[in-house]
Protein backbone atom coordinates (compact mmCIF):
# COMPACT_ATOMS: atom_id res chain seq x y z
CA MET A 1 0.00 0.00 0.00
CA PRO A 2 1.37 3.47 -0.87
CA LYS A 3 2.66 5.49 2.07
CA LEU A 4 2.21 9.19 2.77
CA ILE A 5 5.16 11.14 4.11
CA ASN A 6 3.67 13.88 6.30
CA MET A 7 4.92 17.12 7.81
CA PRO A 8 6.64 16.07 11.06
CA LYS A 9 6.78 18.03 14.31
CA LEU A 10 10.31 19.40 14.20
CA SER A 11 10.01 21.78 17.18
CA ASP A 12 7.95 21.80 20.37
CA THR A 13 5.86 24.83 19.30
CA MET A 14 5.52 24.01 15.61
CA THR A 15 2.03 24.14 14.05
CA GLU A 16 3.11 24.36 10.40
CA GLY A 17 6.26 24.29 8.33
CA THR A 18 7.48 25.86 5.11
CA LEU A 19 8.93 23.48 2.53
CA VAL A 20 12.10 25.37 1.64
CA LYS A 21 13.78 22.86 -0.68
CA TRP A 22 13.36 19.30 -1.90
CA HIS A 23 16.50 17.16 -2.07
CA ILE A 24 14.70 14.48 -4.07
CA LYS A 25 12.60 14.25 -7.22
CA GLU A 26 9.84 11.96 -8.42
CA GLY A 27 11.18 8.55 -9.35
CA ASP A 28 14.07 8.66 -6.87
CA SER A 29 14.69 5.69 -4.62
CA ILE A 30 15.19 6.72 -0.99
CA GLU A 31 16.20 4.92 2.17
CA LEU A 32 15.08 5.35 5.77
CA GLY A 33 16.90 8.31 7.31
CA LYS A 34 17.87 9.99 4.03
CA VAL A 35 17.59 13.80 4.07
CA ILE A 36 14.77 14.56 1.65
CA ALA A 37 13.92 18.21 2.33
CA ASP A 38 14.74 21.42 4.18
CA VAL A 39 11.82 22.62 6.31
CA GLU A 40 11.55 25.99 8.04
CA THR A 41 9.82 25.79 11.40
CA ASP A 42 8.98 28.65 13.76
CA LYS A 43 12.54 28.46 15.14
CA ALA A 44 14.95 27.33 12.43
CA THR A 45 15.37 25.67 9.05
CA MET A 46 15.98 21.97 9.58
CA GLU A 47 16.72 18.89 7.55
CA MET A 48 13.80 16.48 7.22
CA GLU A 49 14.63 12.79 7.00
CA ALA A 50 12.60 10.05 5.33
CA PHE A 51 10.50 7.96 7.72
CA ASP A 52 10.31 5.05 5.27
CA GLY A 53 12.19 3.71 2.28
CA GLY A 54 10.83 3.31 -1.23
CA THR A 55 10.36 5.12 -4.52
CA VAL A 56 9.05 8.68 -4.69
CA HIS A 57 5.83 8.44 -6.69
CA LYS A 58 4.38 11.93 -6.28
CA ILE A 59 5.59 15.14 -4.64
CA LEU A 60 2.50 16.96 -3.35
CA ILE A 61 4.01 20.20 -2.06
CA ALA A 62 5.86 22.82 -4.09
CA GLU A 63 8.97 24.51 -2.70
CA GLY A 64 8.04 27.64 -0.74
CA SER A 65 4.64 26.26 0.32
CA LYS A 66 3.41 26.11 3.92
CA VAL A 67 2.17 22.78 5.23
CA THR A 68 0.16 22.21 8.41
CA LEU A 69 1.55 19.82 11.01
CA GLY A 70 0.75 16.29 9.82
CA GLY A 71 -0.12 17.44 6.30
CA PRO A 72 0.84 15.04 3.48
CA MET A 73 3.93 16.00 1.48
CA LEU A 74 4.69 13.10 -0.85
CA VAL A 75 3.56 9.60 -1.83
CA LEU A 76 6.02 6.75 -1.47
CA LEU A 77 5.78 3.33 -3.11
CA ALA A 78 7.45 0.14 -1.95
CA ASP A 79 9.70 -1.73 -4.36
CA GLY A 80 7.56 -3.27 -7.09
CA GLU A 81 4.37 -1.68 -5.78
CA GLU A 82 1.83 -0.34 -8.27
CA ALA A 83 0.72 3.27 -8.05
CA PRO A 84 -2.93 3.86 -7.07
CA ALA A 85 -5.21 4.07 -10.09
CA ASP A 86 -6.93 7.22 -8.76
CA LEU A 87 -4.41 9.25 -6.78
CA ASP A 88 -6.93 11.98 -5.88
CA SER A 89 -9.32 9.45 -4.34
CA TYR A 90 -6.49 7.76 -2.48
CA LEU A 91 -5.32 11.05 -1.03
CA ALA A 92 -8.83 12.13 -0.08
CA GLU A 93 -9.33 8.85 1.77
CA ASN A 94 -5.97 8.90 3.55
CA ALA A 95 -5.38 12.60 4.24
CA SER A 96 -7.28 12.39 7.54
CA ALA A 97 -4.70 9.93 8.83
CA ALA A 98 -2.05 12.57 8.29
CA ALA A 99 -3.75 15.21 10.43
CA PRO A 100 -2.74 15.63 14.10
CA LYS A 101 -4.76 13.57 16.57
CA LYS A 102 -7.82 15.33 17.90
CA ASP A 103 -8.63 15.79 21.53
CA SER A 104 -11.68 14.14 23.08
CA LYS A 105 -13.83 17.24 22.65
CA ALA A 106 -12.94 17.45 18.98
CA LYS A 107 -13.81 13.78 18.52
CA ALA A 108 -17.19 14.32 20.15
CA GLN A 109 -17.86 17.20 17.83
CA ASP A 110 -17.23 14.98 14.78
CA LYS A 111 -20.76 13.61 15.29
CA ASP A 112 -22.17 16.97 14.20
CA LYS A 113 -20.26 17.09 10.92
CA ASP A 114 -21.81 16.71 7.48
CA THR A 115 -21.07 13.17 6.27
CA SER A 116 -22.15 13.42 2.67
CA GLY A 117 -19.33 11.10 1.62
CA LYS A 118 -18.39 13.14 -1.42
CA LYS A 119 -14.75 13.03 -2.48
CA ALA A 120 -12.89 16.04 -3.85
CA ALA A 121 -9.71 16.12 -5.90
CA PHE A 122 -6.67 16.57 -3.69
CA SER A 123 -4.67 19.72 -4.36
CA GLY A 124 -1.76 19.14 -1.95
CA VAL A 125 -3.45 21.07 0.88
CA LEU A 126 -5.58 19.52 3.59
CA PRO A 127 -9.31 20.23 3.09
CA PRO A 128 -10.88 22.92 5.29
CA SER A 129 -12.65 21.93 8.48
CA ALA A 130 -16.36 21.27 8.33
CA PRO A 131 -18.68 24.20 9.23
CA LYS A 132 -18.79 24.87 12.97
CA ALA A 133 -21.94 23.97 14.86
CA LYS A 134 -23.26 26.80 17.00
CA SER A 135 -23.06 24.81 20.20
CA ARG A 136 -20.63 25.42 23.02
CA ALA A 137 -19.04 22.07 22.18
CA ALA A 138 -18.05 23.39 18.76
CA ALA A 139 -16.41 26.42 20.31
CA ALA A 140 -14.58 24.19 22.73
CA SER A 141 -13.38 21.87 20.00
CA LYS A 142 -12.04 24.83 18.09
CA ASN A 143 -9.72 25.49 20.99
CA GLY A 144 -7.89 22.37 19.80
CA VAL A 145 -5.85 21.76 16.70
CA ARG A 146 -8.46 23.12 14.29
CA VAL A 147 -7.97 26.72 15.37
CA LYS A 148 -5.22 28.47 13.42
CA ALA A 149 -3.38 30.29 16.21
CA SER A 150 0.24 30.89 17.09
CA PRO A 151 1.70 29.06 20.11
CA LEU A 152 2.09 32.36 21.95
CA ALA A 153 -1.54 33.28 21.25
CA ARG A 154 -2.67 29.90 22.61
CA LYS A 155 -0.64 30.36 25.78
CA ILE A 156 -2.02 33.85 26.39
CA ALA A 157 -5.56 32.67 25.67
CA GLU A 158 -5.22 29.80 28.13
CA SER A 159 -3.87 32.04 30.90
CA LYS A 160 -6.59 34.67 30.40
CA GLY A 161 -9.46 32.29 29.73
CA ILE A 162 -10.05 33.61 26.20
CA ASP A 163 -12.12 31.49 23.82
CA LEU A 164 -10.13 31.46 20.58
CA SER A 165 -13.18 30.30 18.64
CA THR A 166 -14.72 33.77 19.06
CA LEU A 167 -11.80 35.56 17.41
CA GLU A 168 -10.81 36.31 13.86
CA GLY A 169 -7.08 36.25 13.20
CA THR A 170 -5.17 38.95 11.38
CA GLY A 171 -2.18 36.73 10.61
CA PRO A 172 -1.44 34.83 7.40
CA GLY A 173 -4.42 32.71 6.37
CA GLY A 174 -6.51 34.06 9.24
CA ARG A 175 -4.06 32.81 11.88
CA ILE A 176 -4.74 34.25 15.34
CA LEU A 177 -1.75 36.21 16.64
CA ALA A 178 -0.95 37.47 20.12
CA ALA A 179 -1.97 40.99 19.05
CA ASP A 180 -5.49 39.74 18.26
CA LEU A 181 -6.03 38.97 21.96
CA ASP A 182 -5.48 42.53 23.21
CA ASN A 183 -9.16 43.50 23.30
CA ALA A 184 -10.62 40.00 23.52
CA PRO A 185 -13.05 39.26 26.39
CA THR A 186 -11.65 37.01 29.10
CA GLY A 187 -13.27 34.18 30.98
CA GLY A 188 -14.40 32.31 27.86
CA GLY A 189 -17.39 34.51 27.17
CA SER A 190 -18.16 36.67 24.19
CA GLY A 191 -18.41 39.80 26.32
CA SER A 192 -21.78 40.89 24.98
CA GLY A 193 -23.75 37.76 25.74
CA SER A 194 -25.03 37.71 22.17
CA GLY A 195 -22.59 35.06 21.00
CA ALA A 196 -21.19 37.40 18.35
CA PRO A 197 -17.45 37.04 17.74
CA ALA A 198 -15.28 39.61 19.47
CA LYS A 199 -13.54 41.95 17.08
CA PRO A 200 -9.75 41.81 17.22
CA ALA A 201 -7.67 44.93 17.60
CA GLN A 202 -7.48 46.82 14.34
CA THR A 203 -4.13 46.56 12.61
CA ILE A 204 -3.02 49.74 10.88
CA ARG A 205 -1.93 48.53 7.48
CA PRO A 206 0.30 50.35 4.97
CA VAL A 207 -1.00 51.60 1.65
CA ALA A 208 1.11 49.79 -0.92
CA GLY A 209 1.61 51.06 -4.45
CA PRO A 210 1.88 48.94 -7.61
CA ASP A 211 5.70 49.10 -7.53
CA ASP A 212 6.01 48.21 -3.85
CA GLN A 213 7.09 44.71 -2.91
CA ARG A 214 5.06 42.58 -0.51
CA ILE A 215 7.29 40.08 1.27
CA PRO A 216 5.43 37.22 3.01
CA LEU A 217 6.53 36.61 6.59
CA THR A 218 8.71 33.60 7.16
CA GLY A 219 7.98 31.36 10.13
CA MET A 220 10.93 32.87 11.99
CA ARG A 221 9.87 36.46 11.22
CA THR A 222 6.33 35.70 12.39
CA ILE A 223 7.56 34.35 15.73
CA ILE A 224 9.91 37.32 16.19
CA ALA A 225 7.02 39.73 15.54
CA GLU A 226 4.70 37.97 17.97
CA ARG A 227 7.19 37.54 20.80
CA LEU A 228 8.55 41.08 20.69
CA TYR A 229 5.06 42.57 20.43
CA ALA A 230 4.03 40.54 23.46
CA SER A 231 7.20 41.58 25.29
CA LYS A 232 6.67 45.32 24.78
CA THR A 233 2.93 45.22 25.57
CA GLN A 234 2.94 42.75 28.48
CA ILE A 235 6.28 43.25 30.24
CA PRO A 236 6.89 46.51 32.16
CA HIS A 237 10.35 47.42 30.86
CA PHE A 238 12.74 49.81 32.54
CA TYR A 239 16.19 50.77 31.31
CA LEU A 240 19.55 51.58 32.94
CA ASN A 241 22.82 52.45 31.19
CA ILE A 242 26.43 52.84 32.29
CA GLU A 243 29.60 54.04 30.62
CA VAL A 244 32.55 51.70 31.08
CA ASP A 245 36.26 52.47 30.79
CA ALA A 246 37.13 49.98 28.07
CA ALA A 247 40.88 50.67 27.96
CA PRO A 248 41.82 47.95 30.52
CA LEU A 249 39.66 45.41 28.66
CA MET A 250 41.18 46.23 25.27
CA ALA A 251 44.73 46.03 26.67
CA PHE A 252 43.97 42.72 28.42
CA ARG A 253 42.41 41.26 25.27
CA LYS A 254 45.49 42.21 23.24
CA HIS A 255 47.76 40.57 25.80
CA VAL A 256 45.68 37.36 25.82
CA ASN A 257 45.51 37.20 22.02
CA ASP A 258 49.22 37.87 21.61
CA SER A 259 50.00 35.01 24.00
CA SER A 260 47.46 32.71 22.35
CA GLU A 261 48.75 33.51 18.85
CA LYS A 262 52.25 32.31 19.76
CA LEU A 263 50.72 28.92 20.58
CA ASN A 264 48.41 28.93 17.53
CA GLY A 265 45.52 29.14 19.96
CA ASN A 266 42.10 30.73 19.95
CA LYS A 267 41.56 34.38 19.01
CA TYR A 268 39.23 36.11 21.47
CA SER A 269 36.75 38.83 20.55
CA VAL A 270 35.70 41.71 22.77
CA ASN A 271 32.30 40.04 22.97
CA ASP A 272 33.83 36.88 24.47
CA PHE A 273 35.04 38.88 27.48
CA ILE A 274 31.72 40.72 27.77
CA LEU A 275 29.80 37.43 27.81
CA ARG A 276 32.12 36.08 30.49
CA ALA A 277 31.59 39.22 32.56
CA VAL A 278 27.79 39.05 32.17
CA ILE A 279 27.81 35.42 33.31
CA ARG A 280 29.91 36.20 36.37
CA SER A 281 27.72 39.21 37.20
CA ALA A 282 24.54 37.11 36.92
CA VAL A 283 26.03 34.63 39.39
CA ALA A 284 26.89 37.48 41.76
CA VAL A 285 23.42 39.09 41.39
CA PRO A 286 21.11 36.10 40.77
CA ALA A 287 17.92 38.19 40.94
CA VAL A 288 18.42 39.20 37.29
CA ASN A 289 18.73 35.56 36.22
CA ALA A 290 15.03 34.95 36.73
CA SER A 291 11.54 34.95 35.19
CA PHE A 292 8.05 36.06 36.15
CA ASP A 293 5.67 33.10 36.51
CA GLY A 294 2.26 34.52 37.39
CA ASP A 295 2.13 34.05 41.14
CA ALA A 296 5.86 33.50 41.64
CA ILE A 297 9.33 34.46 40.47
CA VAL A 298 11.51 31.64 39.20
CA GLN A 299 15.17 32.23 40.02
CA PHE A 300 17.34 29.89 37.96
CA LYS A 301 20.16 27.80 39.35
CA ASN A 302 22.19 27.94 36.13
CA VAL A 303 22.99 30.87 33.88
CA ASN A 304 21.76 29.72 30.47
CA LEU A 305 23.07 32.55 28.36
CA SER A 306 21.17 33.49 25.19
CA VAL A 307 23.42 35.15 22.63
CA ALA A 308 21.72 37.30 19.99
CA ILE A 309 23.02 36.45 16.50
CA ALA A 310 21.89 38.26 13.34
CA VAL A 311 20.90 36.03 10.41
CA PRO A 312 19.39 36.95 7.02
CA ASP A 313 15.83 36.20 8.21
CA GLY A 314 16.11 38.16 11.46
CA LEU A 315 17.61 37.32 14.82
CA VAL A 316 18.19 34.08 16.69
CA THR A 317 19.25 33.56 20.30
CA PRO A 318 20.94 30.18 20.79
CA VAL A 319 21.80 29.26 24.36
CA ILE A 320 25.07 28.46 26.12
CA ARG A 321 23.80 26.16 28.87
CA ALA A 322 25.23 26.28 32.39
CA ALA A 323 27.50 29.06 31.14
CA GLU A 324 28.86 29.68 34.63
CA THR A 325 30.69 26.35 34.36
CA LYS A 326 32.38 27.29 31.07
CA THR A 327 35.86 28.73 30.67
CA LEU A 328 36.55 31.79 28.53
CA LEU A 329 37.87 29.46 25.82
CA GLU A 330 34.74 27.30 25.91
CA ILE A 331 32.49 30.38 25.70
CA SER A 332 34.45 31.75 22.74
CA GLN A 333 34.35 28.44 20.89
CA SER A 334 30.64 27.95 21.60
CA VAL A 335 29.76 31.37 20.19
CA LYS A 336 31.86 30.81 17.04
CA ASP A 337 30.24 27.43 16.50
CA MET A 338 26.67 28.69 17.07
CA ALA A 339 27.18 31.76 14.88
CA GLY A 340 28.47 29.64 11.99
CA ARG A 341 25.65 27.12 12.23
CA ALA A 342 23.03 29.87 12.70
CA LYS A 343 24.02 31.53 9.43
CA ASN A 344 23.83 28.12 7.69
CA LYS A 345 20.50 27.33 9.40
CA LYS A 346 21.92 24.26 11.08
CA LEU A 347 20.91 24.97 14.68
CA SER A 348 18.36 22.61 16.21
CA PRO A 349 15.27 23.91 18.08
CA ASP A 350 16.49 22.65 21.46
CA GLU A 351 19.52 24.95 21.14
CA PHE A 352 17.19 27.97 21.40
CA ALA A 353 15.26 26.75 24.44
CA GLY A 354 15.80 27.43 28.12
CA GLY A 355 17.69 30.74 28.05
CA THR A 356 17.61 32.73 31.30
CA ILE A 357 19.32 36.02 30.30
CA THR A 358 20.29 37.48 26.91
CA VAL A 359 23.16 39.58 25.56
CA SER A 360 22.70 41.68 22.41
CA ASN A 361 25.87 43.31 21.06
CA LEU A 362 25.56 45.87 18.25
CA GLY A 363 29.02 47.30 18.74
CA ALA A 364 30.27 45.70 15.53
CA TYR A 365 27.62 47.72 13.66
CA GLY A 366 28.91 51.02 15.03
CA ILE A 367 26.07 51.51 17.53
CA ASP A 368 27.16 53.38 20.65
CA THR A 369 24.14 52.76 22.88
CA PHE A 370 20.65 51.26 22.60
CA SER A 371 17.90 49.70 24.70
CA ALA A 372 17.00 46.14 23.72
CA ILE A 373 13.58 44.48 24.05
CA ILE A 374 13.40 41.72 26.65
CA ASN A 375 13.43 38.18 25.29
CA PRO A 376 10.41 36.58 27.04
CA PRO A 377 10.06 34.83 29.41
CA GLN A 378 13.41 36.16 30.64
CA ALA A 379 13.57 39.18 32.92
CA ALA A 380 16.67 40.93 31.56
CA ILE A 381 18.61 41.58 28.38
CA ILE A 382 22.01 43.27 28.23
CA SER A 383 22.71 45.71 25.36
CA VAL A 384 26.33 46.31 24.39
CA GLY A 385 27.59 49.20 22.28
CA SER A 386 30.86 49.86 20.45
CA VAL A 387 34.21 50.75 22.00
CA ARG A 388 34.97 54.38 21.12
CA ASN A 389 38.18 56.42 21.27
CA THR A 390 37.11 59.59 23.02
CA PRO A 391 38.58 62.42 25.13
CA VAL A 392 38.08 61.81 28.85
CA VAL A 393 38.99 63.59 32.09
CA ASP A 394 41.55 61.66 34.13
CA GLU A 395 41.91 61.58 37.93
CA LYS A 396 44.07 64.72 37.84
CA GLY A 397 41.52 66.70 35.85
CA ASN A 398 43.44 66.49 32.58
CA ILE A 399 41.75 65.79 29.26
CA VAL A 400 43.37 62.69 27.77
CA ALA A 401 42.61 60.09 25.12
CA GLY A 402 40.48 57.24 26.41
CA GLN A 403 38.30 54.33 25.34
CA ARG A 404 34.71 54.12 26.48
CA MET A 405 31.83 51.69 25.97
CA TRP A 406 28.13 51.98 26.87
CA ILE A 407 26.33 48.98 28.35
CA GLY A 408 22.66 48.87 29.22
CA ILE A 409 20.12 46.58 30.83
CA SER A 410 16.45 46.29 29.97
CA ALA A 411 14.67 44.65 32.88
CA ASP A 412 11.23 43.34 33.80
CA HIS A 413 10.11 45.50 36.74
CA ARG A 414 7.86 42.70 38.00
CA VAL A 415 11.02 40.70 38.71
CA VAL A 416 13.93 43.13 38.94
CA ASP A 417 13.99 46.33 40.99
CA GLY A 418 16.02 49.34 39.94
CA ALA A 419 18.54 48.90 42.74
CA VAL A 420 19.07 45.25 41.79
CA ALA A 421 19.69 46.14 38.14
CA ALA A 422 22.08 48.91 39.25
CA THR A 423 23.97 46.44 41.44
CA PHE A 424 24.27 44.06 38.50
CA LEU A 425 25.66 46.80 36.24
CA ALA A 426 28.13 47.85 38.95
CA GLU A 427 29.40 44.27 39.15
CA LEU A 428 29.64 44.16 35.36
CA ARG A 429 31.62 47.41 35.27
CA LYS A 430 34.02 46.12 37.96
CA LEU A 431 34.82 43.02 35.91
CA LEU A 432 35.20 44.84 32.60
CA GLU A 433 37.46 47.49 34.09
CA ASN A 434 39.47 44.82 35.95
CA PRO A 435 39.31 41.98 33.36
CA ALA A 436 41.83 39.75 35.12
CA LEU A 437 39.12 39.15 37.75
CA MET A 438 37.09 37.22 35.16
CA LEU A 439 39.71 34.48 35.09
CA VAL A 440 40.01 34.09 38.86
């Protein structure tokens, strides 16, 4: 019997994937475990392996297309197996097996569906859900897999008691985004008692001309937009900045690199030392290495450092786990490795999970100072500017040449008080202006 290869769940929050590239063509013979496609999830572009061996009979999805989780992607035949006489009928009969399993409420609701038994030609996209019954059970079942909503929107809806079935999404294909929940009634009701769907917040859209280009959002760009919008609207940010004397750090880095070069060793960047200093400061002031959790604050045992890395599609923040246990060399090598794999889209989803504090360094882009947006659910992000040659006043009141660098912290005021953030920055300044202390 022909086999369907379906869209797998490649990350914990994935609801759909974009088929970026096929590595096979119709007629190819493939083995179990062979890389057959590149798929972009909400976190990264990953290699998809074949779940079965056989001959590729029909590719159902074109490159660049989005596929729902469990959606069929290609038809595979066993050696010597005949192709189905009516492929459309076969796909219509077997597509339901590809869909994600329904919850018990969704299964109960299936009794209310129209069972006319008619078969439609399969176009490579799962057929739309049957019309919703106007019962409360239908609304409840829509809170399951049949609602098109982002993972963040689902989490917010669950915490606030919002019935997603009453909302209309403003995202691609009607997908419900976090922004659509801003004015939604809580507690599962419609707000008016009339049962009419609540209107989502109006999105102010640009007026595009005939020569303007409309660029569809990638999965990564969609997640970035949702998370940062949620961060700025739901987390009470406050910002502190300090100016650091960078001359001792630059001299120490040169000394370390000169010594390392003689042994053909590692070359350290300014950012390597800054990351090390942030890690040590987070250990010294653990209140910033924390998250808000509704009725409690979670203070983490380990410093899982998220490092912001720019990639063509946006920004990723892979994590150095238990960074407080790493040496300066291990931190430097980890960042080099993650940056290289991030640009080649080779990072796995688990490498983005579990960060407890983030560092964003725009110094290489010539930015002196900036205030970053917190990376939820973390409570702090450190922003690092460039090292500048600038005139400064020395201890004797003379104007001399100096090197200065601005460092800031954006903090969640529900978790971090101003004095705590100030203490953290003071510790950070001490280490950067006395860099030998980082290696003690």
